[in-house]
Amino acid sequence: MWETFLTLDGNLLLWIQEYIRNDLLTPVMRFLTHLGDAGFLWIVCTILFLLWRERRGTGICMTFSLLCSLLVNNLLLKNLVARTRPYEAVEGLSRIIEAQVDLSFPSGHAGSSFAAAVAVFLTCPKRIGIPALALAALISLSRLYVGAHYPTDVIAGALIGSAAAVLVHKCYSRHCFKSSPYHTT
């Protein structure tokens, strides 16, 4: 049963490579995937929110959500699961970015993207939150397109990042937003 599931995971990547990859979309997907490298984009956004007095609570939620995602996804689960990258395991799959230095499961790009974007969505007006979620989804999907992750890696990373943001927001709202004169949603 498990082997069948893993085969389907790899076959979806081969399908993307065969039917979705093209010369027009490839530079866009490479750009998107590199936006998520080391969570840099989300860290910059976090700093900007921390500097924006009226949205400092958003920056604080983003900070702790990103830290939780880093701890759970990148430091704990990647080392426990130790799943090799799909381009190393799926016959016929080619990567279109440089080889990655860490393990595959779960996706750190998806984890950090959704940790930050869900924090923004929960603390900001929808005109800011919805584009943040859309960008997180695009960065996450780019990981499949470039051959760096299995679909289950991306789904797990996104779910863990989202859960981290929801938990951080719940804790922060309960303890800090009540007394903050700058919090508005």
Protein backbone atom coordinates (compact mmCIF):
# COMPACT_ATOMS: atom_id res chain seq x y z
CA MET A 1 0.00 0.00 0.00
CA TRP A 2 2.70 2.49 1.04
CA GLU A 3 4.75 1.68 -2.08
CA THR A 4 1.71 2.41 -4.28
CA PHE A 5 1.26 5.76 -2.57
CA LEU A 6 4.93 6.67 -3.06
CA THR A 7 4.72 5.65 -6.71
CA LEU A 8 1.73 7.95 -7.21
CA ASP A 9 3.67 10.77 -5.51
CA GLY A 10 6.52 10.34 -8.00
CA ASN A 11 4.23 9.82 -10.98
CA LEU A 12 2.55 13.17 -10.34
CA LEU A 13 5.96 14.85 -10.64
CA LEU A 14 6.63 13.02 -13.89
CA TRP A 15 3.23 14.18 -15.17
CA ILE A 16 4.10 17.80 -14.26
CA GLN A 17 7.44 17.43 -16.02
CA GLU A 18 5.80 15.99 -19.13
CA TYR A 19 2.66 18.11 -19.46
CA ILE A 20 3.12 21.35 -17.49
CA ARG A 21 6.78 22.34 -17.83
CA ASN A 22 7.41 24.66 -20.76
CA ASP A 23 9.85 27.33 -21.89
CA LEU A 24 7.52 30.18 -20.96
CA LEU A 25 6.64 29.00 -17.45
CA THR A 26 10.05 27.68 -16.39
CA PRO A 27 11.73 31.07 -15.70
CA VAL A 28 8.67 32.19 -13.72
CA MET A 29 8.69 29.04 -11.61
CA ARG A 30 12.43 29.26 -11.02
CA PHE A 31 11.97 32.86 -9.87
CA LEU A 32 9.10 31.87 -7.56
CA THR A 33 10.99 28.95 -6.08
CA HIS A 34 14.01 31.14 -5.35
CA LEU A 35 11.77 33.74 -3.65
CA GLY A 36 11.26 31.13 -0.95
CA ASP A 37 14.94 30.22 -0.52
CA ALA A 38 15.84 30.22 3.19
CA GLY A 39 12.55 32.01 3.87
CA PHE A 40 14.29 35.23 2.82
CA LEU A 41 11.24 36.92 1.28
CA TRP A 42 9.14 36.12 4.35
CA ILE A 43 11.86 37.31 6.72
CA VAL A 44 12.07 40.64 4.86
CA CYS A 45 8.27 40.97 5.02
CA THR A 46 8.37 40.16 8.73
CA ILE A 47 10.91 42.91 9.36
CA LEU A 48 8.79 45.39 7.40
CA PHE A 49 5.72 44.49 9.47
CA LEU A 50 7.74 44.82 12.68
CA LEU A 51 8.80 48.31 11.61
CA TRP A 52 5.20 49.28 10.70
CA ARG A 53 3.83 50.30 14.09
CA GLU A 54 0.18 49.62 13.26
CA ARG A 55 1.04 46.11 12.06
CA ARG A 56 3.71 45.16 14.59
CA GLY A 57 1.45 42.36 15.87
CA THR A 58 1.52 40.85 12.38
CA GLY A 59 5.31 40.95 12.41
CA ILE A 60 5.42 39.28 15.82
CA CYS A 61 3.02 36.53 14.70
CA MET A 62 5.06 36.04 11.54
CA THR A 63 8.29 35.80 13.53
CA PHE A 64 7.04 33.08 15.84
CA SER A 65 5.21 31.23 13.06
CA LEU A 66 8.38 31.15 10.96
CA LEU A 67 10.40 29.95 13.95
CA CYS A 68 7.91 27.16 14.70
CA SER A 69 7.93 26.08 11.04
CA LEU A 70 11.73 26.08 11.00
CA LEU A 71 11.94 23.98 14.16
CA VAL A 72 9.30 21.43 13.22
CA ASN A 73 9.87 21.14 9.47
CA ASN A 74 13.55 21.78 8.92
CA LEU A 75 15.22 20.76 12.16
CA LEU A 76 12.97 17.95 13.40
CA LEU A 77 10.98 16.24 10.63
CA LYS A 78 13.51 16.49 7.80
CA ASN A 79 16.03 14.64 9.97
CA LEU A 80 13.55 12.11 11.37
CA VAL A 81 11.98 11.17 8.03
CA ALA A 82 15.20 11.55 5.98
CA ARG A 83 13.43 11.35 2.62
CA THR A 84 15.68 11.79 -0.40
CA ARG A 85 14.85 14.37 -3.02
CA PRO A 86 12.58 13.14 -5.82
CA TYR A 87 15.11 13.90 -8.56
CA GLU A 88 17.42 11.39 -6.82
CA ALA A 89 14.75 8.68 -6.47
CA VAL A 90 12.22 8.99 -9.31
CA GLU A 91 13.56 7.51 -12.51
CA GLY A 92 13.20 9.96 -15.40
CA LEU A 93 12.60 13.04 -13.25
CA SER A 94 14.95 15.93 -13.88
CA ARG A 95 15.43 18.93 -11.67
CA ILE A 96 15.62 22.38 -13.23
CA ILE A 97 17.33 24.11 -10.32
CA GLU A 98 20.53 23.38 -8.48
CA ALA A 99 20.75 20.31 -6.25
CA GLN A 100 19.34 20.98 -2.78
CA VAL A 101 21.58 20.50 0.26
CA ASP A 102 18.96 19.20 2.70
CA LEU A 103 16.38 16.42 2.74
CA SER A 104 12.97 16.44 1.11
CA PHE A 105 10.18 15.87 3.68
CA PRO A 106 8.57 18.25 4.54
CA SER A 107 9.05 21.23 2.25
CA GLY A 108 10.67 24.10 4.11
CA HIS A 109 9.63 26.49 1.33
CA ALA A 110 5.97 25.53 1.75
CA GLY A 111 6.27 25.58 5.54
CA SER A 112 7.78 29.04 5.80
CA SER A 113 5.53 30.43 3.05
CA PHE A 114 2.33 29.27 4.69
CA ALA A 115 3.52 30.10 8.21
CA ALA A 116 4.10 33.70 7.19
CA ALA A 117 1.15 34.04 4.80
CA VAL A 118 -1.40 32.58 7.22
CA ALA A 119 -0.09 34.91 9.95
CA VAL A 120 -0.62 37.84 7.56
CA PHE A 121 -4.06 36.56 6.57
CA LEU A 122 -5.15 36.25 10.21
CA THR A 123 -3.92 39.69 11.29
CA CYS A 124 -4.32 41.96 8.28
CA PRO A 125 -7.12 43.12 6.00
CA LYS A 126 -8.00 40.59 3.31
CA ARG A 127 -6.53 42.85 0.59
CA ILE A 128 -3.11 42.02 2.13
CA GLY A 129 -3.84 38.52 3.42
CA ILE A 130 -5.24 36.98 0.24
CA PRO A 131 -2.27 37.97 -1.97
CA ALA A 132 0.07 36.62 0.74
CA LEU A 133 -1.74 33.26 0.63
CA ALA A 134 -1.65 33.25 -3.18
CA LEU A 135 2.10 33.89 -3.17
CA ALA A 136 2.62 31.10 -0.60
CA ALA A 137 0.67 28.71 -2.84
CA LEU A 138 2.67 29.70 -5.93
CA ILE A 139 6.01 29.27 -4.15
CA SER A 140 4.86 25.89 -2.86
CA LEU A 141 3.67 24.72 -6.28
CA SER A 142 6.94 25.87 -7.81
CA ARG A 143 8.72 23.25 -5.71
CA LEU A 144 6.82 20.53 -7.59
CA TYR A 145 7.43 22.17 -10.96
CA VAL A 146 11.21 22.36 -10.49
CA GLY A 147 11.38 18.76 -9.24
CA ALA A 148 12.66 19.60 -5.75
CA HIS A 149 9.81 18.06 -3.72
CA TYR A 150 7.16 15.38 -3.80
CA PRO A 151 3.53 16.56 -3.53
CA THR A 152 3.31 15.08 -0.02
CA ASP A 153 6.37 17.12 1.03
CA VAL A 154 4.64 20.32 -0.07
CA ILE A 155 1.29 19.42 1.47
CA ALA A 156 2.90 18.51 4.81
CA GLY A 157 5.02 21.66 4.86
CA ALA A 158 2.02 23.86 4.06
CA LEU A 159 -0.15 22.20 6.72
CA ILE A 160 2.52 22.43 9.40
CA GLY A 161 3.31 26.06 8.54
CA SER A 162 -0.39 26.94 8.56
CA ALA A 163 -0.95 25.16 11.88
CA ALA A 164 2.00 26.99 13.38
CA ALA A 165 0.54 30.34 12.30
CA VAL A 166 -2.92 29.52 13.66
CA LEU A 167 -1.50 28.41 17.02
CA VAL A 168 0.79 31.43 17.29
CA HIS A 169 -2.07 33.76 16.36
CA LYS A 170 -4.34 32.15 18.96
CA CYS A 171 -1.73 32.50 21.70
CA TYR A 172 -0.76 36.02 20.68
CA SER A 173 -4.38 37.18 20.37
CA ARG A 174 -5.24 35.81 23.76
CA HIS A 175 -2.30 37.48 25.50
CA CYS A 176 -1.29 40.54 23.50
CA PHE A 177 -3.88 41.93 21.10
CA LYS A 178 -6.32 42.78 23.87
CA SER A 179 -3.96 45.37 25.27
CA SER A 180 -2.39 46.56 22.01
CA PRO A 181 -3.61 49.96 20.78
CA TYR A 182 -2.15 49.14 17.32
CA HIS A 183 -4.06 45.96 16.52
CA THR A 184 -6.76 46.30 13.89
CA THR A 185 -8.07 43.62 11.57
